[in-house]
Amino acid sequence: MKKYFWIAAVLVLSAGIVMTSCQAAGKGGKAGKAGKAGKDGDGGAAATEGAAVKAGEIVFTFKPGPDTEPPQKLNWAGELNGWNPGDPSYEFEAKDDGTFTLTLEMDPGSYPYKFVPDGQWPQSMEAVCEENVVTPKPTRFIDDGYGGKNAVLEVE
């Protein structure tokens, strides 16, 4: 009987150590982006992912990177507007410094979306965020069902 007790104790202890190690490495058990250095050169997770934001007015900004041709027009498309890339209520305002801004009122929830430059759907919002300055940073990225990635913003 003592033998079974010690075997069970060792198994429980080992499982606890493994779970703790996985949580530390994966930030709460979620899969991270290990090995992919972000633009800030920290060598950790890509600088394209951010934290959840507070509900209310959320200002989205897009500043084209040095290798990106600035769009003439930029729209936000996602579940919030029925994935309509031409919705005038979701068109960014172009600023004199080359930055585009859009303010949206958002309730708590999870919002998949893409930025649509000049009516052309980007293959991957993850690539858009890596090559340009985008705020707020998406909380994560998910498959879009067409071989690309949608950004997801978690609103609390």
Protein backbone atom coordinates (compact mmCIF):
# COMPACT_ATOMS: atom_id res chain seq x y z
CA MET A 1 0.00 0.00 0.00
CA LYS A 2 2.86 2.38 0.87
CA LYS A 3 4.40 1.63 -2.51
CA TYR A 4 1.25 2.82 -4.35
CA PHE A 5 1.05 5.93 -2.17
CA TRP A 6 4.61 6.95 -3.07
CA ILE A 7 4.06 6.25 -6.77
CA ALA A 8 0.92 8.41 -6.73
CA ALA A 9 2.72 11.18 -4.80
CA VAL A 10 5.60 11.22 -7.29
CA LEU A 11 3.17 11.34 -10.24
CA VAL A 12 1.19 14.23 -8.73
CA LEU A 13 4.37 16.14 -7.92
CA SER A 14 5.77 15.56 -11.42
CA ALA A 15 2.51 16.69 -13.04
CA GLY A 16 2.55 19.85 -10.92
CA ILE A 17 6.10 20.67 -11.96
CA VAL A 18 5.31 20.10 -15.65
CA MET A 19 2.15 22.25 -15.50
CA THR A 20 3.97 25.07 -13.72
CA SER A 21 6.78 24.99 -16.29
CA CYS A 22 4.32 25.07 -19.20
CA GLN A 23 2.41 27.99 -17.72
CA ALA A 24 5.57 30.02 -17.24
CA ALA A 25 6.81 29.29 -20.76
CA GLY A 26 3.44 29.76 -22.47
CA LYS A 27 2.09 32.70 -20.43
CA GLY A 28 -0.78 31.01 -18.66
CA GLY A 29 -0.84 27.85 -20.70
CA LYS A 30 -1.52 29.54 -24.05
CA ALA A 31 0.82 28.86 -26.93
CA GLY A 32 3.36 31.63 -27.30
CA LYS A 33 5.52 32.62 -30.24
CA ALA A 34 8.81 31.38 -28.89
CA GLY A 35 11.81 31.94 -31.08
CA LYS A 36 10.31 34.79 -33.07
CA ALA A 37 11.98 38.06 -32.21
CA GLY A 38 9.77 41.12 -32.15
CA LYS A 39 10.66 44.43 -33.76
CA ASP A 40 11.96 45.64 -30.42
CA GLY A 41 14.62 42.92 -30.58
CA ASP A 42 13.69 41.38 -27.24
CA GLY A 43 13.99 37.88 -28.68
CA GLY A 44 10.66 36.91 -27.13
CA ALA A 45 7.16 37.00 -28.49
CA ALA A 46 6.59 39.08 -31.59
CA ALA A 47 5.84 42.72 -30.87
CA THR A 48 2.62 42.34 -32.85
CA GLU A 49 0.51 41.05 -29.96
CA GLY A 50 -0.87 43.16 -27.14
CA ALA A 51 -3.14 43.02 -24.12
CA ALA A 52 -6.89 43.44 -23.89
CA VAL A 53 -8.19 47.02 -23.93
CA LYS A 54 -10.92 48.75 -21.93
CA ALA A 55 -14.42 49.06 -23.42
CA GLY A 56 -15.50 52.45 -24.74
CA GLU A 57 -13.93 54.61 -27.42
CA ILE A 58 -10.96 52.81 -28.93
CA VAL A 59 -8.65 54.66 -31.29
CA PHE A 60 -7.10 52.48 -33.98
CA THR A 61 -4.01 53.88 -35.67
CA PHE A 62 -2.01 52.73 -38.67
CA LYS A 63 1.33 54.23 -39.67
CA PRO A 64 2.87 52.68 -42.78
CA GLY A 65 6.30 51.17 -42.26
CA PRO A 66 9.31 52.16 -44.38
CA ASP A 67 8.65 49.35 -46.89
CA THR A 68 4.88 49.93 -47.15
CA GLU A 69 3.24 52.07 -49.82
CA PRO A 70 0.79 54.34 -47.97
CA PRO A 71 -2.80 53.60 -48.99
CA GLN A 72 -5.09 56.27 -50.43
CA LYS A 73 -7.93 54.89 -48.31
CA LEU A 74 -7.98 52.55 -45.31
CA ASN A 75 -11.00 50.76 -43.84
CA TRP A 76 -11.62 48.54 -40.82
CA ALA A 77 -13.61 45.37 -41.54
CA GLY A 78 -14.69 42.75 -39.04
CA GLU A 79 -17.59 41.09 -37.29
CA LEU A 80 -18.56 44.47 -35.82
CA ASN A 81 -19.60 45.78 -39.28
CA GLY A 82 -20.43 42.50 -41.03
CA TRP A 83 -16.99 42.33 -42.68
CA ASN A 84 -17.93 45.23 -44.98
CA PRO A 85 -14.64 46.67 -46.33
CA GLY A 86 -16.39 49.69 -47.87
CA ASP A 87 -18.45 50.79 -44.86
CA PRO A 88 -17.94 54.60 -44.65
CA SER A 89 -18.49 54.51 -40.87
CA TYR A 90 -15.34 52.39 -40.60
CA GLU A 91 -13.03 54.44 -42.84
CA PHE A 92 -9.83 55.74 -41.26
CA GLU A 93 -9.03 59.45 -41.34
CA ALA A 94 -5.70 60.27 -43.00
CA LYS A 95 -3.51 62.66 -40.97
CA ASP A 96 -0.85 65.03 -42.32
CA ASP A 97 1.95 62.94 -40.77
CA GLY A 98 0.94 59.86 -42.81
CA THR A 99 -0.88 58.20 -39.91
CA PHE A 100 -4.44 56.91 -40.27
CA THR A 101 -6.85 56.95 -37.30
CA LEU A 102 -10.30 55.53 -36.60
CA THR A 103 -12.25 55.78 -33.35
CA LEU A 104 -14.78 53.03 -32.63
CA GLU A 105 -17.12 52.56 -29.69
CA MET A 106 -16.66 48.96 -28.53
CA ASP A 107 -18.43 46.98 -25.82
CA PRO A 108 -16.71 44.11 -23.99
CA GLY A 109 -16.13 41.18 -26.31
CA SER A 110 -13.80 39.54 -28.79
CA TYR A 111 -13.50 41.30 -32.16
CA PRO A 112 -11.82 39.67 -35.20
CA TYR A 113 -10.91 42.21 -37.89
CA LYS A 114 -8.63 43.29 -40.72
CA PHE A 115 -7.46 46.64 -42.05
CA VAL A 116 -8.37 46.91 -45.75
CA PRO A 117 -6.12 49.31 -47.72
CA ASP A 118 -7.56 50.65 -50.99
CA GLY A 119 -10.25 47.95 -51.06
CA GLN A 120 -7.68 45.13 -51.15
CA TRP A 121 -7.99 42.48 -48.44
CA PRO A 122 -4.60 41.75 -46.85
CA GLN A 123 -3.63 38.10 -46.67
CA SER A 124 -2.53 38.36 -43.07
CA MET A 125 -3.10 41.00 -40.40
CA GLU A 126 -0.15 39.48 -38.58
CA ALA A 127 2.11 40.55 -41.47
CA VAL A 128 0.46 43.99 -41.55
CA CYS A 129 1.24 44.42 -37.85
CA GLU A 130 4.84 43.24 -38.28
CA GLU A 131 5.57 45.62 -41.17
CA ASN A 132 3.74 48.74 -39.90
CA VAL A 133 2.92 50.56 -36.67
CA VAL A 134 -0.56 49.48 -35.55
CA THR A 135 -2.35 50.39 -32.31
CA PRO A 136 -3.85 48.99 -30.31
CA LYS A 137 -1.84 45.85 -30.87
CA PRO A 138 -4.14 42.89 -31.51
CA THR A 139 -4.55 40.53 -28.58
CA ARG A 140 -3.93 37.57 -30.88
CA PHE A 141 -4.28 36.31 -34.45
CA ILE A 142 -6.58 33.58 -35.78
CA ASP A 143 -6.96 31.78 -39.10
CA ASP A 144 -9.30 33.63 -41.44
CA GLY A 145 -10.44 30.50 -43.28
CA TYR A 146 -8.70 31.62 -46.49
CA GLY A 147 -5.09 30.82 -45.62
CA GLY A 148 -4.42 34.13 -43.86
CA LYS A 149 -4.77 35.62 -40.39
CA ASN A 150 -7.32 37.94 -38.81
CA ALA A 151 -6.37 40.15 -35.90
CA VAL A 152 -8.46 39.78 -32.74
CA LEU A 153 -8.91 42.53 -30.18
CA GLU A 154 -10.17 41.55 -26.75
CA VAL A 155 -12.19 44.32 -25.12
CA GLU A 156 -12.88 44.13 -21.38
